[in-house]
Amino acid sequence: MPRRTTRSPEGQRFGDALHIMRKERGLSQEALAERAEMAADYLGFIERGENVPTLTIMLRLADALEVPPSHMLRTFDKRR
């Protein structure tokens, strides 16, 4: 999947949150990518906000991080 030419603010926020969750669990990009059955370079694109993940990818990542899918979107709560 090709990278976007411009980064979306939402993609960057999601990527930042994903990076934090991965680091909190002591996982490398390679380890999380393996758990989520995806390529490590694609995970890097997501973390940098260069790609916005599909729902399927978000569900795989939530499962690999052992969090509810809603946890993946907690940074988008309008109350914050």
PDB file of N, CA and C in Angstrom:
ATOM      1  N   MET A   1       0.857  -1.171   0.000  1.00  0.00           N
ATOM      2  CA  MET A   1       0.000   0.000   0.000  1.00  0.00           C
ATOM      3  C   MET A   1       0.903   1.234   0.000  1.00  0.00           C
ATOM      4  N   PRO A   2       0.697   2.140  -0.933  1.00  0.00           N
ATOM      5  CA  PRO A   2       1.560   3.323  -0.993  1.00  0.00           C
ATOM      6  C   PRO A   2       1.278   4.298   0.144  1.00  0.00           C
ATOM      7  N   ARG A   3       2.316   5.034   0.501  1.00  0.00           N
ATOM      8  CA  ARG A   3       2.165   6.060   1.532  1.00  0.00           C
ATOM      9  C   ARG A   3       1.413   7.251   0.963  1.00  0.00           C
ATOM     10  N   ARG A   4       0.749   7.980   1.849  1.00  0.00           N
ATOM     11  CA  ARG A   4       0.070   9.208   1.447  1.00  0.00           C
ATOM     12  C   ARG A   4       1.114  10.281   1.188  1.00  0.00           C
ATOM     13  N   THR A   5       0.772  11.238   0.345  1.00  0.00           N
ATOM     14  CA  THR A   5       1.704  12.332   0.088  1.00  0.00           C
ATOM     15  C   THR A   5       1.645  13.383   1.192  1.00  0.00           C
ATOM     16  N   THR A   6       0.496  13.505   1.862  1.00  0.00           N
ATOM     17  CA  THR A   6       0.377  14.413   3.007  1.00  0.00           C
ATOM     18  C   THR A   6      -0.175  13.626   4.185  1.00  0.00           C
ATOM     19  N   ARG A   7       0.250  14.001   5.367  1.00  0.00           N
ATOM     20  CA  ARG A   7      -0.193  13.299   6.572  1.00  0.00           C
ATOM     21  C   ARG A   7      -1.474  13.944   7.092  1.00  0.00           C
ATOM     22  N   SER A   8      -2.426  13.107   7.455  1.00  0.00           N
ATOM     23  CA  SER A   8      -3.655  13.634   8.039  1.00  0.00           C
ATOM     24  C   SER A   8      -3.442  13.821   9.536  1.00  0.00           C
ATOM     25  N   PRO A   9      -4.037  14.860  10.121  1.00  0.00           N
ATOM     26  CA  PRO A   9      -3.901  15.052  11.569  1.00  0.00           C
ATOM     27  C   PRO A   9      -4.434  13.852  12.352  1.00  0.00           C
ATOM     28  N   GLU A  10      -5.525  13.260  11.873  1.00  0.00           N
ATOM     29  CA  GLU A  10      -6.095  12.091  12.550  1.00  0.00           C
ATOM     30  C   GLU A  10      -5.149  10.902  12.461  1.00  0.00           C
ATOM     31  N   GLY A  11      -4.526  10.715  11.303  1.00  0.00           N
ATOM     32  CA  GLY A  11      -3.570   9.629  11.143  1.00  0.00           C
ATOM     33  C   GLY A  11      -2.374   9.803  12.054  1.00  0.00           C
ATOM     34  N   GLN A  12      -1.921  11.034  12.206  1.00  0.00           N
ATOM     35  CA  GLN A  12      -0.787  11.295  13.091  1.00  0.00           C
ATOM     36  C   GLN A  12      -1.170  11.041  14.552  1.00  0.00           C
ATOM     37  N   ARG A  13      -2.358  11.456  14.954  1.00  0.00           N
ATOM     38  CA  ARG A  13      -2.800  11.211  16.334  1.00  0.00           C
ATOM     39  C   ARG A  13      -2.911   9.717  16.602  1.00  0.00           C
ATOM     40  N   PHE A  14      -3.492   8.981  15.645  1.00  0.00           N
ATOM     41  CA  PHE A  14      -3.615   7.535  15.823  1.00  0.00           C
ATOM     42  C   PHE A  14      -2.229   6.899  15.890  1.00  0.00           C
ATOM     43  N   GLY A  15      -1.337   7.304  15.002  1.00  0.00           N
ATOM     44  CA  GLY A  15       0.016   6.755  14.990  1.00  0.00           C
ATOM     45  C   GLY A  15       0.766   7.023  16.283  1.00  0.00           C
ATOM     46  N   ASP A  16       0.612   8.237  16.810  1.00  0.00           N
ATOM     47  CA  ASP A  16       1.255   8.570  18.086  1.00  0.00           C
ATOM     48  C   ASP A  16       0.716   7.690  19.215  1.00  0.00           C
ATOM     49  N   ALA A  17      -0.607   7.522  19.238  1.00  0.00           N
ATOM     50  CA  ALA A  17      -1.226   6.687  20.283  1.00  0.00           C
ATOM     51  C   ALA A  17      -0.772   5.238  20.152  1.00  0.00           C
ATOM     52  N   LEU A  18      -0.714   4.735  18.927  1.00  0.00           N
ATOM     53  CA  LEU A  18      -0.266   3.363  18.691  1.00  0.00           C
ATOM     54  C   LEU A  18       1.182   3.189  19.151  1.00  0.00           C
ATOM     55  N   HIS A  19       2.021   4.152  18.834  1.00  0.00           N
ATOM     56  CA  HIS A  19       3.427   4.094  19.240  1.00  0.00           C
ATOM     57  C   HIS A  19       3.538   4.014  20.769  1.00  0.00           C
ATOM     58  N   ILE A  20       2.773   4.835  21.467  1.00  0.00           N
ATOM     59  CA  ILE A  20       2.795   4.829  22.937  1.00  0.00           C
ATOM     60  C   ILE A  20       2.332   3.484  23.483  1.00  0.00           C
ATOM     61  N   MET A  21       1.230   2.962  22.942  1.00  0.00           N
ATOM     62  CA  MET A  21       0.715   1.666  23.416  1.00  0.00           C
ATOM     63  C   MET A  21       1.734   0.550  23.191  1.00  0.00           C
ATOM     64  N   ARG A  22       2.399   0.584  22.037  1.00  0.00           N
ATOM     65  CA  ARG A  22       3.397  -0.438  21.732  1.00  0.00           C
ATOM     66  C   ARG A  22       4.565  -0.342  22.708  1.00  0.00           C
ATOM     67  N   LYS A  23       5.056   0.867  22.937  1.00  0.00           N
ATOM     68  CA  LYS A  23       6.191   1.060  23.846  1.00  0.00           C
ATOM     69  C   LYS A  23       5.827   0.682  25.282  1.00  0.00           C
ATOM     70  N   GLU A  24       4.593   0.996  25.715  1.00  0.00           N
ATOM     71  CA  GLU A  24       4.155   0.639  27.067  1.00  0.00           C
ATOM     72  C   GLU A  24       4.195  -0.868  27.299  1.00  0.00           C
ATOM     73  N   ARG A  25       4.046  -1.621  26.238  1.00  0.00           N
ATOM     74  CA  ARG A  25       4.054  -3.076  26.339  1.00  0.00           C
ATOM     75  C   ARG A  25       5.427  -3.674  26.052  1.00  0.00           C
ATOM     76  N   GLY A  26       6.396  -2.808  25.806  1.00  0.00           N
ATOM     77  CA  GLY A  26       7.766  -3.273  25.574  1.00  0.00           C
ATOM     78  C   GLY A  26       7.936  -4.029  24.270  1.00  0.00           C
ATOM     79  N   LEU A  27       7.135  -3.689  23.279  1.00  0.00           N
ATOM     80  CA  LEU A  27       7.192  -4.393  21.997  1.00  0.00           C
ATOM     81  C   LEU A  27       7.944  -3.572  20.959  1.00  0.00           C
ATOM     82  N   SER A  28       8.708  -4.240  20.130  1.00  0.00           N
ATOM     83  CA  SER A  28       9.317  -3.594  18.975  1.00  0.00           C
ATOM     84  C   SER A  28       8.267  -3.535  17.868  1.00  0.00           C
ATOM     85  N   GLN A  29       8.541  -2.729  16.849  1.00  0.00           N
ATOM     86  CA  GLN A  29       7.618  -2.707  15.706  1.00  0.00           C
ATOM     87  C   GLN A  29       7.523  -4.093  15.080  1.00  0.00           C
ATOM     88  N   GLU A  30       8.634  -4.769  14.999  1.00  0.00           N
ATOM     89  CA  GLU A  30       8.656  -6.100  14.398  1.00  0.00           C
ATOM     90  C   GLU A  30       7.795  -7.080  15.185  1.00  0.00           C
ATOM     91  N   ALA A  31       7.906  -7.031  16.522  1.00  0.00           N
ATOM     92  CA  ALA A  31       7.136  -7.953  17.365  1.00  0.00           C
ATOM     93  C   ALA A  31       5.634  -7.674  17.254  1.00  0.00           C
ATOM     94  N   LEU A  32       5.251  -6.393  17.291  1.00  0.00           N
ATOM     95  CA  LEU A  32       3.830  -6.074  17.167  1.00  0.00           C
ATOM     96  C   LEU A  32       3.311  -6.437  15.780  1.00  0.00           C
ATOM     97  N   ALA A  33       4.092  -6.150  14.763  1.00  0.00           N
ATOM     98  CA  ALA A  33       3.683  -6.492  13.399  1.00  0.00           C
ATOM     99  C   ALA A  33       3.472  -7.995  13.258  1.00  0.00           C
ATOM    100  N   GLU A  34       4.358  -8.772  13.843  1.00  0.00           N
ATOM    101  CA  GLU A  34       4.211 -10.231  13.774  1.00  0.00           C
ATOM    102  C   GLU A  34       2.934 -10.676  14.476  1.00  0.00           C
ATOM    103  N   ARG A  35       2.680 -10.132  15.658  1.00  0.00           N
ATOM    104  CA  ARG A  35       1.454 -10.471  16.395  1.00  0.00           C
ATOM    105  C   ARG A  35       0.205 -10.095  15.600  1.00  0.00           C
ATOM    106  N   ALA A  36       0.271  -8.964  14.882  1.00  0.00           N
ATOM    107  CA  ALA A  36      -0.882  -8.467  14.127  1.00  0.00           C
ATOM    108  C   ALA A  36      -0.935  -9.027  12.705  1.00  0.00           C
ATOM    109  N   GLU A  37       0.030  -9.881  12.371  1.00  0.00           N
ATOM    110  CA  GLU A  37       0.106 -10.502  11.047  1.00  0.00           C
ATOM    111  C   GLU A  37       0.116  -9.453   9.943  1.00  0.00           C
ATOM    112  N   MET A  38       1.072  -8.530  10.073  1.00  0.00           N
ATOM    113  CA  MET A  38       1.233  -7.489   9.074  1.00  0.00           C
ATOM    114  C   MET A  38       2.725  -7.194   8.904  1.00  0.00           C
ATOM    115  N   ALA A  39       3.059  -6.453   7.880  1.00  0.00           N
ATOM    116  CA  ALA A  39       4.458  -6.109   7.628  1.00  0.00           C
ATOM    117  C   ALA A  39       4.920  -5.014   8.587  1.00  0.00           C
ATOM    118  N   ALA A  40       6.129  -5.146   9.085  1.00  0.00           N
ATOM    119  CA  ALA A  40       6.674  -4.174  10.028  1.00  0.00           C
ATOM    120  C   ALA A  40       6.813  -2.795   9.389  1.00  0.00           C
ATOM    121  N   ASP A  41       7.150  -2.740   8.088  1.00  0.00           N
ATOM    122  CA  ASP A  41       7.271  -1.420   7.457  1.00  0.00           C
ATOM    123  C   ASP A  41       5.919  -0.717   7.375  1.00  0.00           C
ATOM    124  N   TYR A  42       4.839  -1.471   7.174  1.00  0.00           N
ATOM    125  CA  TYR A  42       3.505  -0.864   7.150  1.00  0.00           C
ATOM    126  C   TYR A  42       3.146  -0.326   8.539  1.00  0.00           C
ATOM    127  N   LEU A  43       3.493  -1.066   9.577  1.00  0.00           N
ATOM    128  CA  LEU A  43       3.265  -0.589  10.941  1.00  0.00           C
ATOM    129  C   LEU A  43       4.019   0.726  11.168  1.00  0.00           C
ATOM    130  N   GLY A  44       5.234   0.816  10.664  1.00  0.00           N
ATOM    131  CA  GLY A  44       6.009   2.050  10.759  1.00  0.00           C
ATOM    132  C   GLY A  44       5.317   3.211  10.055  1.00  0.00           C
ATOM    133  N   PHE A  45       4.748   2.947   8.881  1.00  0.00           N
ATOM    134  CA  PHE A  45       4.002   3.982   8.157  1.00  0.00           C
ATOM    135  C   PHE A  45       2.826   4.475   8.992  1.00  0.00           C
ATOM    136  N   ILE A  46       2.134   3.539   9.641  1.00  0.00           N
ATOM    137  CA  ILE A  46       0.981   3.905  10.472  1.00  0.00           C
ATOM    138  C   ILE A  46       1.435   4.743  11.662  1.00  0.00           C
ATOM    139  N   GLU A  47       2.482   4.301  12.341  1.00  0.00           N
ATOM    140  CA  GLU A  47       2.965   5.036  13.520  1.00  0.00           C
ATOM    141  C   GLU A  47       3.428   6.446  13.171  1.00  0.00           C
ATOM    142  N   ARG A  48       3.962   6.629  11.985  1.00  0.00           N
ATOM    143  CA  ARG A  48       4.418   7.957  11.570  1.00  0.00           C
ATOM    144  C   ARG A  48       3.286   8.791  10.958  1.00  0.00           C
ATOM    145  N   GLY A  49       2.106   8.218  10.848  1.00  0.00           N
ATOM    146  CA  GLY A  49       0.976   8.941  10.268  1.00  0.00           C
ATOM    147  C   GLY A  49       1.013   9.017   8.755  1.00  0.00           C
ATOM    148  N   GLU A  50       1.849   8.203   8.137  1.00  0.00           N
ATOM    149  CA  GLU A  50       1.961   8.204   6.684  1.00  0.00           C
ATOM    150  C   GLU A  50       0.871   7.363   6.033  1.00  0.00           C
ATOM    151  N   ASN A  51       0.273   6.464   6.772  1.00  0.00           N
ATOM    152  CA  ASN A  51      -0.862   5.666   6.319  1.00  0.00           C
ATOM    153  C   ASN A  51      -1.904   5.651   7.420  1.00  0.00           C
ATOM    154  N   VAL A  52      -3.155   5.645   7.037  1.00  0.00           N
ATOM    155  CA  VAL A  52      -4.265   5.544   7.979  1.00  0.00           C
ATOM    156  C   VAL A  52      -4.785   4.109   7.871  1.00  0.00           C
ATOM    157  N   PRO A  53      -4.833   3.378   8.988  1.00  0.00           N
ATOM    158  CA  PRO A  53      -5.210   1.965   8.918  1.00  0.00           C
ATOM    159  C   PRO A  53      -6.697   1.757   8.633  1.00  0.00           C
ATOM    160  N   THR A  54      -6.982   0.649   8.012  1.00  0.00           N
ATOM    161  CA  THR A  54      -8.364   0.242   7.802  1.00  0.00           C
ATOM    162  C   THR A  54      -8.914  -0.316   9.108  1.00  0.00           C
ATOM    163  N   LEU A  55     -10.206  -0.524   9.154  1.00  0.00           N
ATOM    164  CA  LEU A  55     -10.828  -1.120  10.333  1.00  0.00           C
ATOM    165  C   LEU A  55     -10.233  -2.500  10.608  1.00  0.00           C
ATOM    166  N   THR A  56     -10.019  -3.275   9.585  1.00  0.00           N
ATOM    167  CA  THR A  56      -9.442  -4.617   9.756  1.00  0.00           C
ATOM    168  C   THR A  56      -8.078  -4.541  10.431  1.00  0.00           C
ATOM    169  N   ILE A  57      -7.244  -3.622  10.000  1.00  0.00           N
ATOM    170  CA  ILE A  57      -5.915  -3.463  10.595  1.00  0.00           C
ATOM    171  C   ILE A  57      -6.037  -2.987  12.031  1.00  0.00           C
ATOM    172  N   MET A  58      -6.946  -2.055  12.291  1.00  0.00           N
ATOM    173  CA  MET A  58      -7.135  -1.578  13.665  1.00  0.00           C
ATOM    174  C   MET A  58      -7.561  -2.724  14.580  1.00  0.00           C
ATOM    175  N   LEU A  59      -8.429  -3.593  14.102  1.00  0.00           N
ATOM    176  CA  LEU A  59      -8.874  -4.733  14.907  1.00  0.00           C
ATOM    177  C   LEU A  59      -7.726  -5.702  15.162  1.00  0.00           C
ATOM    178  N   ARG A  60      -6.897  -5.930  14.169  1.00  0.00           N
ATOM    179  CA  ARG A  60      -5.721  -6.798  14.353  1.00  0.00           C
ATOM    180  C   ARG A  60      -4.757  -6.208  15.379  1.00  0.00           C
ATOM    181  N   LEU A  61      -4.541  -4.900  15.282  1.00  0.00           N
ATOM    182  CA  LEU A  61      -3.636  -4.239  16.222  1.00  0.00           C
ATOM    183  C   LEU A  61      -4.180  -4.289  17.643  1.00  0.00           C
ATOM    184  N   ALA A  62      -5.479  -4.054  17.803  1.00  0.00           N
ATOM    185  CA  ALA A  62      -6.091  -4.121  19.137  1.00  0.00           C
ATOM    186  C   ALA A  62      -5.922  -5.519  19.718  1.00  0.00           C
ATOM    187  N   ASP A  63      -6.160  -6.528  18.909  1.00  0.00           N
ATOM    188  CA  ASP A  63      -6.007  -7.906  19.370  1.00  0.00           C
ATOM    189  C   ASP A  63      -4.546  -8.186  19.747  1.00  0.00           C
ATOM    190  N   ALA A  64      -3.622  -7.720  18.923  1.00  0.00           N
ATOM    191  CA  ALA A  64      -2.201  -7.949  19.185  1.00  0.00           C
ATOM    192  C   ALA A  64      -1.728  -7.219  20.443  1.00  0.00           C
ATOM    193  N   LEU A  65      -2.329  -6.062  20.721  1.00  0.00           N
ATOM    194  CA  LEU A  65      -1.980  -5.292  21.918  1.00  0.00           C
ATOM    195  C   LEU A  65      -2.794  -5.718  23.137  1.00  0.00           C
ATOM    196  N   GLU A  66      -3.760  -6.609  22.911  1.00  0.00           N
ATOM    197  CA  GLU A  66      -4.646  -7.118  23.962  1.00  0.00           C
ATOM    198  C   GLU A  66      -5.420  -5.988  24.635  1.00  0.00           C
ATOM    199  N   VAL A  67      -6.014  -5.139  23.794  1.00  0.00           N
ATOM    200  CA  VAL A  67      -6.870  -4.048  24.277  1.00  0.00           C
ATOM    201  C   VAL A  67      -8.181  -4.099  23.501  1.00  0.00           C
ATOM    202  N   PRO A  68      -9.256  -3.554  24.072  1.00  0.00           N
ATOM    203  CA  PRO A  68     -10.495  -3.465  23.306  1.00  0.00           C
ATOM    204  C   PRO A  68     -10.292  -2.532  22.108  1.00  0.00           C
ATOM    205  N   PRO A  69     -10.943  -2.791  20.991  1.00  0.00           N
ATOM    206  CA  PRO A  69     -10.787  -1.912  19.831  1.00  0.00           C
ATOM    207  C   PRO A  69     -11.081  -0.445  20.154  1.00  0.00           C
ATOM    208  N   SER A  70     -12.016  -0.189  21.046  1.00  0.00           N
ATOM    209  CA  SER A  70     -12.343   1.198  21.399  1.00  0.00           C
ATOM    210  C   SER A  70     -11.151   1.913  22.032  1.00  0.00           C
ATOM    211  N   HIS A  71     -10.289   1.165  22.669  1.00  0.00           N
ATOM    212  CA  HIS A  71      -9.096   1.747  23.302  1.00  0.00           C
ATOM    213  C   HIS A  71      -8.178   2.367  22.253  1.00  0.00           C
ATOM    214  N   MET A  72      -8.206   1.817  21.048  1.00  0.00           N
ATOM    215  CA  MET A  72      -7.364   2.322  19.969  1.00  0.00           C
ATOM    216  C   MET A  72      -7.755   3.750  19.578  1.00  0.00           C
ATOM    217  N   LEU A  73      -8.987   4.130  19.855  1.00  0.00           N
ATOM    218  CA  LEU A  73      -9.484   5.445  19.447  1.00  0.00           C
ATOM    219  C   LEU A  73      -9.677   6.403  20.608  1.00  0.00           C
ATOM    220  N   ARG A  74      -9.147   6.089  21.753  1.00  0.00           N
ATOM    221  CA  ARG A  74      -9.387   6.913  22.930  1.00  0.00           C
ATOM    222  C   ARG A  74      -8.872   8.338  22.780  1.00  0.00           C
ATOM    223  N   THR A  75      -7.879   8.590  21.947  1.00  0.00           N
ATOM    224  CA  THR A  75      -7.357   9.939  21.765  1.00  0.00           C
ATOM    225  C   THR A  75      -8.305  10.811  20.939  1.00  0.00           C
ATOM    226  N   PHE A  76      -9.372  10.218  20.408  1.00  0.00           N
ATOM    227  CA  PHE A  76     -10.321  10.976  19.596  1.00  0.00           C
ATOM    228  C   PHE A  76     -11.586  11.338  20.371  1.00  0.00           C
ATOM    229  N   ASP A  77     -11.588  11.098  21.659  1.00  0.00           N
ATOM    230  CA  ASP A  77     -12.722  11.459  22.509  1.00  0.00           C
ATOM    231  C   ASP A  77     -12.877  12.977  22.469  1.00  0.00           C
ATOM    232  N   LYS A  78     -14.044  13.453  22.066  1.00  0.00           N
ATOM    233  CA  LYS A  78     -14.261  14.897  21.909  1.00  0.00           C
ATOM    234  C   LYS A  78     -14.213  15.652  23.232  1.00  0.00           C
ATOM    235  N   ARG A  79     -14.372  14.946  24.324  1.00  0.00           N
ATOM    236  CA  ARG A  79     -14.318  15.599  25.632  1.00  0.00           C
ATOM    237  C   ARG A  79     -12.908  15.980  26.023  1.00  0.00           C
ATOM    238  N   ARG A  80     -11.916  15.507  25.332  1.00  0.00           N
ATOM    239  CA  ARG A  80     -10.508  15.790  25.687  1.00  0.00           C
ATOM    240  C   ARG A  80      -9.985  16.938  24.888  1.00  0.00           C
TER     241      ARG A  80
END
